[in-house]
């Protein structure tokens, strides 16, 4: 199984922004030139970390 590609911070912010606009993981992946699964994994990680666009964090 190949290693998953890491996204840059700029790509992660772009992903969060586009996902908040309702754009699908497949479309975001095409825009960034990465696999849909990479986008989905990063969105899941952001959700677990309590991150959302624009820079809102869940209260602790």
PDB file of N, CA and C in Angstrom:
ATOM      1  N   UNK A   1       0.844  -1.176   0.000  1.00  0.00           N
ATOM      2  CA  UNK A   1       0.000   0.000   0.000  1.00  0.00           C
ATOM      3  C   UNK A   1       0.892   1.242   0.000  1.00  0.00           C
ATOM      4  N   UNK A   2       0.677   2.162  -0.936  1.00  0.00           N
ATOM      5  CA  UNK A   2       1.526   3.357  -0.999  1.00  0.00           C
ATOM      6  C   UNK A   2       1.247   4.298   0.173  1.00  0.00           C
ATOM      7  N   UNK A   3       2.268   5.047   0.528  1.00  0.00           N
ATOM      8  CA  UNK A   3       2.126   6.023   1.615  1.00  0.00           C
ATOM      9  C   UNK A   3       1.211   7.156   1.171  1.00  0.00           C
ATOM     10  N   UNK A   4       0.442   7.675   2.108  1.00  0.00           N
ATOM     11  CA  UNK A   4      -0.451   8.787   1.786  1.00  0.00           C
ATOM     12  C   UNK A   4       0.357  10.067   1.681  1.00  0.00           C
ATOM     13  N   UNK A   5      -0.035  10.889   0.749  1.00  0.00           N
ATOM     14  CA  UNK A   5       0.661  12.149   0.512  1.00  0.00           C
ATOM     15  C   UNK A   5       0.301  13.159   1.591  1.00  0.00           C
ATOM     16  N   UNK A   6       1.292  13.869   2.076  1.00  0.00           N
ATOM     17  CA  UNK A   6       1.046  14.920   3.051  1.00  0.00           C
ATOM     18  C   UNK A   6       0.724  16.211   2.316  1.00  0.00           C
ATOM     19  N   UNK A   7      -0.212  16.967   2.873  1.00  0.00           N
ATOM     20  CA  UNK A   7      -0.570  18.249   2.293  1.00  0.00           C
ATOM     21  C   UNK A   7       0.180  19.362   3.011  1.00  0.00           C
ATOM     22  N   UNK A   8       0.455  20.420   2.278  1.00  0.00           N
ATOM     23  CA  UNK A   8       1.065  21.599   2.900  1.00  0.00           C
ATOM     24  C   UNK A   8      -0.016  22.330   3.702  1.00  0.00           C
ATOM     25  N   UNK A   9       0.396  23.222   4.581  1.00  0.00           N
ATOM     26  CA  UNK A   9      -0.565  23.984   5.371  1.00  0.00           C
ATOM     27  C   UNK A   9      -1.479  24.802   4.451  1.00  0.00           C
ATOM     28  N   UNK A  10      -0.934  25.320   3.395  1.00  0.00           N
ATOM     29  CA  UNK A  10      -1.741  26.091   2.432  1.00  0.00           C
ATOM     30  C   UNK A  10      -2.818  25.202   1.819  1.00  0.00           C
ATOM     31  N   UNK A  11      -2.459  23.968   1.475  1.00  0.00           N
ATOM     32  CA  UNK A  11      -3.429  23.044   0.897  1.00  0.00           C
ATOM     33  C   UNK A  11      -4.492  22.636   1.920  1.00  0.00           C
ATOM     34  N   UNK A  12      -4.094  22.494   3.168  1.00  0.00           N
ATOM     35  CA  UNK A  12      -5.056  22.143   4.215  1.00  0.00           C
ATOM     36  C   UNK A  12      -6.054  23.273   4.413  1.00  0.00           C
ATOM     37  N   UNK A  13      -5.576  24.503   4.460  1.00  0.00           N
ATOM     38  CA  UNK A  13      -6.481  25.650   4.599  1.00  0.00           C
ATOM     39  C   UNK A  13      -7.426  25.727   3.400  1.00  0.00           C
ATOM     40  N   UNK A  14      -6.885  25.502   2.203  1.00  0.00           N
ATOM     41  CA  UNK A  14      -7.688  25.513   0.978  1.00  0.00           C
ATOM     42  C   UNK A  14      -8.773  24.430   1.065  1.00  0.00           C
ATOM     43  N   UNK A  15      -8.380  23.241   1.536  1.00  0.00           N
ATOM     44  CA  UNK A  15      -9.313  22.126   1.672  1.00  0.00           C
ATOM     45  C   UNK A  15     -10.433  22.474   2.645  1.00  0.00           C
ATOM     46  N   UNK A  16     -10.087  23.031   3.803  1.00  0.00           N
ATOM     47  CA  UNK A  16     -11.095  23.405   4.792  1.00  0.00           C
ATOM     48  C   UNK A  16     -12.043  24.473   4.237  1.00  0.00           C
ATOM     49  N   UNK A  17     -11.469  25.453   3.540  1.00  0.00           N
ATOM     50  CA  UNK A  17     -12.279  26.524   2.983  1.00  0.00           C
ATOM     51  C   UNK A  17     -13.267  25.979   1.960  1.00  0.00           C
ATOM     52  N   UNK A  18     -12.776  25.168   1.038  1.00  0.00           N
ATOM     53  CA  UNK A  18     -13.638  24.623  -0.017  1.00  0.00           C
ATOM     54  C   UNK A  18     -14.686  23.671   0.551  1.00  0.00           C
ATOM     55  N   UNK A  19     -14.315  22.864   1.532  1.00  0.00           N
ATOM     56  CA  UNK A  19     -15.268  21.937   2.142  1.00  0.00           C
ATOM     57  C   UNK A  19     -16.380  22.721   2.843  1.00  0.00           C
ATOM     58  N   UNK A  20     -16.033  23.849   3.464  1.00  0.00           N
ATOM     59  CA  UNK A  20     -17.050  24.667   4.137  1.00  0.00           C
ATOM     60  C   UNK A  20     -18.003  25.298   3.126  1.00  0.00           C
ATOM     61  N   UNK A  21     -17.567  25.417   1.878  1.00  0.00           N
ATOM     62  CA  UNK A  21     -18.411  25.957   0.802  1.00  0.00           C
ATOM     63  C   UNK A  21     -19.265  24.870   0.157  1.00  0.00           C
ATOM     64  N   UNK A  22     -19.104  23.623   0.624  1.00  0.00           N
ATOM     65  CA  UNK A  22     -19.909  22.527   0.102  1.00  0.00           C
ATOM     66  C   UNK A  22     -19.318  21.807  -1.092  1.00  0.00           C
ATOM     67  N   UNK A  23     -18.060  22.052  -1.394  1.00  0.00           N
ATOM     68  CA  UNK A  23     -17.407  21.380  -2.524  1.00  0.00           C
ATOM     69  C   UNK A  23     -16.989  19.980  -2.073  1.00  0.00           C
ATOM     70  N   UNK A  24     -17.202  18.990  -2.921  1.00  0.00           N
ATOM     71  CA  UNK A  24     -16.925  17.599  -2.564  1.00  0.00           C
ATOM     72  C   UNK A  24     -15.425  17.321  -2.474  1.00  0.00           C
ATOM     73  N   UNK A  25     -15.104  16.257  -1.749  1.00  0.00           N
ATOM     74  CA  UNK A  25     -13.706  15.839  -1.602  1.00  0.00           C
ATOM     75  C   UNK A  25     -13.110  15.485  -2.961  1.00  0.00           C
ATOM     76  N   UNK A  26     -13.907  14.917  -3.831  1.00  0.00           N
ATOM     77  CA  UNK A  26     -13.424  14.562  -5.171  1.00  0.00           C
ATOM     78  C   UNK A  26     -13.033  15.809  -5.956  1.00  0.00           C
ATOM     79  N   UNK A  27     -13.874  16.841  -5.898  1.00  0.00           N
ATOM     80  CA  UNK A  27     -13.577  18.080  -6.620  1.00  0.00           C
ATOM     81  C   UNK A  27     -12.360  18.785  -6.009  1.00  0.00           C
ATOM     82  N   UNK A  28     -12.273  18.797  -4.686  1.00  0.00           N
ATOM     83  CA  UNK A  28     -11.117  19.415  -4.024  1.00  0.00           C
ATOM     84  C   UNK A  28      -9.850  18.686  -4.421  1.00  0.00           C
ATOM     85  N   UNK A  29      -9.905  17.364  -4.445  1.00  0.00           N
ATOM     86  CA  UNK A  29      -8.748  16.565  -4.850  1.00  0.00           C
ATOM     87  C   UNK A  29      -8.298  16.896  -6.263  1.00  0.00           C
ATOM     88  N   UNK A  30      -9.254  17.064  -7.158  1.00  0.00           N
ATOM     89  CA  UNK A  30      -8.907  17.429  -8.539  1.00  0.00           C
ATOM     90  C   UNK A  30      -8.255  18.802  -8.589  1.00  0.00           C
ATOM     91  N   UNK A  31      -8.770  19.742  -7.797  1.00  0.00           N
ATOM     92  CA  UNK A  31      -8.211  21.095  -7.778  1.00  0.00           C
ATOM     93  C   UNK A  31      -6.773  21.103  -7.257  1.00  0.00           C
ATOM     94  N   UNK A  32      -6.500  20.253  -6.266  1.00  0.00           N
ATOM     95  CA  UNK A  32      -5.166  20.210  -5.655  1.00  0.00           C
ATOM     96  C   UNK A  32      -4.233  19.210  -6.332  1.00  0.00           C
ATOM     97  N   UNK A  33      -4.795  18.319  -7.140  1.00  0.00           N
ATOM     98  CA  UNK A  33      -3.978  17.295  -7.780  1.00  0.00           C
ATOM     99  C   UNK A  33      -3.588  16.178  -6.824  1.00  0.00           C
ATOM    100  N   UNK A  34      -4.486  15.872  -5.882  1.00  0.00           N
ATOM    101  CA  UNK A  34      -4.252  14.779  -4.930  1.00  0.00           C
ATOM    102  C   UNK A  34      -5.453  13.848  -4.955  1.00  0.00           C
ATOM    103  N   UNK A  35      -5.304  12.693  -4.339  1.00  0.00           N
ATOM    104  CA  UNK A  35      -6.383  11.711  -4.313  1.00  0.00           C
ATOM    105  C   UNK A  35      -7.516  12.163  -3.400  1.00  0.00           C
ATOM    106  N   UNK A  36      -8.719  11.725  -3.738  1.00  0.00           N
ATOM    107  CA  UNK A  36      -9.898  12.015  -2.923  1.00  0.00           C
ATOM    108  C   UNK A  36      -9.705  11.503  -1.505  1.00  0.00           C
ATOM    109  N   UNK A  37      -9.093  10.338  -1.364  1.00  0.00           N
ATOM    110  CA  UNK A  37      -8.885   9.768  -0.024  1.00  0.00           C
ATOM    111  C   UNK A  37      -7.950  10.635   0.820  1.00  0.00           C
ATOM    112  N   UNK A  38      -6.986  11.283   0.191  1.00  0.00           N
ATOM    113  CA  UNK A  38      -6.092  12.196   0.914  1.00  0.00           C
ATOM    114  C   UNK A  38      -6.886  13.372   1.456  1.00  0.00           C
ATOM    115  N   UNK A  39      -7.777  13.905   0.645  1.00  0.00           N
ATOM    116  CA  UNK A  39      -8.620  15.021   1.076  1.00  0.00           C
ATOM    117  C   UNK A  39      -9.521  14.567   2.218  1.00  0.00           C
ATOM    118  N   UNK A  40     -10.152  13.410   2.078  1.00  0.00           N
ATOM    119  CA  UNK A  40     -11.037  12.897   3.119  1.00  0.00           C
ATOM    120  C   UNK A  40     -10.287  12.663   4.426  1.00  0.00           C
ATOM    121  N   UNK A  41      -9.098  12.089   4.350  1.00  0.00           N
ATOM    122  CA  UNK A  41      -8.295  11.847   5.555  1.00  0.00           C
ATOM    123  C   UNK A  41      -7.972  13.154   6.264  1.00  0.00           C
ATOM    124  N   UNK A  42      -7.596  14.163   5.511  1.00  0.00           N
ATOM    125  CA  UNK A  42      -7.253  15.449   6.115  1.00  0.00           C
ATOM    126  C   UNK A  42      -8.477  16.142   6.694  1.00  0.00           C
ATOM    127  N   UNK A  43      -9.627  16.000   6.067  1.00  0.00           N
ATOM    128  CA  UNK A  43     -10.851  16.572   6.620  1.00  0.00           C
ATOM    129  C   UNK A  43     -11.239  15.873   7.921  1.00  0.00           C
ATOM    130  N   UNK A  44     -11.056  14.548   7.982  1.00  0.00           N
ATOM    131  CA  UNK A  44     -11.343  13.808   9.209  1.00  0.00           C
ATOM    132  C   UNK A  44     -10.394  14.233  10.328  1.00  0.00           C
ATOM    133  N   UNK A  45      -9.125  14.381  10.009  1.00  0.00           N
ATOM    134  CA  UNK A  45      -8.144  14.810  11.012  1.00  0.00           C
ATOM    135  C   UNK A  45      -8.478  16.199  11.540  1.00  0.00           C
ATOM    136  N   UNK A  46      -8.896  17.091  10.662  1.00  0.00           N
ATOM    137  CA  UNK A  46      -9.263  18.446  11.080  1.00  0.00           C
ATOM    138  C   UNK A  46     -10.488  18.404  11.987  1.00  0.00           C
ATOM    139  N   UNK A  47     -11.440  17.542  11.652  1.00  0.00           N
ATOM    140  CA  UNK A  47     -12.646  17.432  12.467  1.00  0.00           C
ATOM    141  C   UNK A  47     -12.312  16.905  13.863  1.00  0.00           C
ATOM    142  N   UNK A  48     -11.468  15.886  13.938  1.00  0.00           N
ATOM    143  CA  UNK A  48     -11.056  15.331  15.230  1.00  0.00           C
ATOM    144  C   UNK A  48     -10.323  16.385  16.058  1.00  0.00           C
ATOM    145  N   UNK A  49      -9.523  17.217  15.380  1.00  0.00           N
ATOM    146  CA  UNK A  49      -8.770  18.268  16.067  1.00  0.00           C
ATOM    147  C   UNK A  49      -9.645  19.471  16.406  1.00  0.00           C
ATOM    148  N   UNK A  50     -10.889  19.482  15.921  1.00  0.00           N
ATOM    149  CA  UNK A  50     -11.799  20.583  16.195  1.00  0.00           C
ATOM    150  C   UNK A  50     -11.557  21.800  15.333  1.00  0.00           C
ATOM    151  N   UNK A  51     -10.946  21.601  14.170  1.00  0.00           N
ATOM    152  CA  UNK A  51     -10.662  22.716  13.276  1.00  0.00           C
ATOM    153  C   UNK A  51     -11.757  22.869  12.232  1.00  0.00           C
ATOM    154  N   UNK A  52     -12.047  24.096  11.902  1.00  0.00           N
ATOM    155  CA  UNK A  52     -13.026  24.394  10.861  1.00  0.00           C
ATOM    156  C   UNK A  52     -12.621  25.704  10.205  1.00  0.00           C
ATOM    157  N   UNK A  53     -13.238  25.999   9.096  1.00  0.00           N
ATOM    158  CA  UNK A  53     -12.959  27.267   8.420  1.00  0.00           C
ATOM    159  C   UNK A  53     -14.016  28.267   8.852  1.00  0.00           C
ATOM    160  N   UNK A  54     -13.713  29.473   9.190  1.00  0.00           N
ATOM    161  CA  UNK A  54     -12.429  30.163   9.191  1.00  0.00           C
ATOM    162  C   UNK A  54     -11.760  30.135  10.562  1.00  0.00           C
ATOM    163  N   UNK A  55     -10.887  29.232  10.761  1.00  0.00           N
ATOM    164  CA  UNK A  55     -10.035  29.168  11.940  1.00  0.00           C
ATOM    165  C   UNK A  55     -10.766  29.027  13.263  1.00  0.00           C
ATOM    166  N   UNK A  56     -11.917  28.436  13.251  1.00  0.00           N
ATOM    167  CA  UNK A  56     -12.656  28.248  14.505  1.00  0.00           C
ATOM    168  C   UNK A  56     -12.242  26.937  15.137  1.00  0.00           C
ATOM    169  N   UNK A  57     -12.073  26.948  16.427  1.00  0.00           N
ATOM    170  CA  UNK A  57     -11.719  25.756  17.182  1.00  0.00           C
ATOM    171  C   UNK A  57     -12.862  25.424  18.138  1.00  0.00           C
ATOM    172  N   UNK A  58     -13.009  24.160  18.412  1.00  0.00           N
ATOM    173  CA  UNK A  58     -14.055  23.778  19.359  1.00  0.00           C
ATOM    174  C   UNK A  58     -13.601  24.140  20.769  1.00  0.00           C
ATOM    175  N   UNK A  59     -14.511  24.515  21.619  1.00  0.00           N
ATOM    176  CA  UNK A  59     -14.132  24.863  22.992  1.00  0.00           C
ATOM    177  C   UNK A  59     -13.665  23.645  23.768  1.00  0.00           C
ATOM    178  N   UNK A  60     -12.725  23.845  24.660  1.00  0.00           N
ATOM    179  CA  UNK A  60     -12.211  22.717  25.455  1.00  0.00           C
ATOM    180  C   UNK A  60     -12.757  22.750  26.857  1.00  0.00           C
TER     181      UNK A  60
END
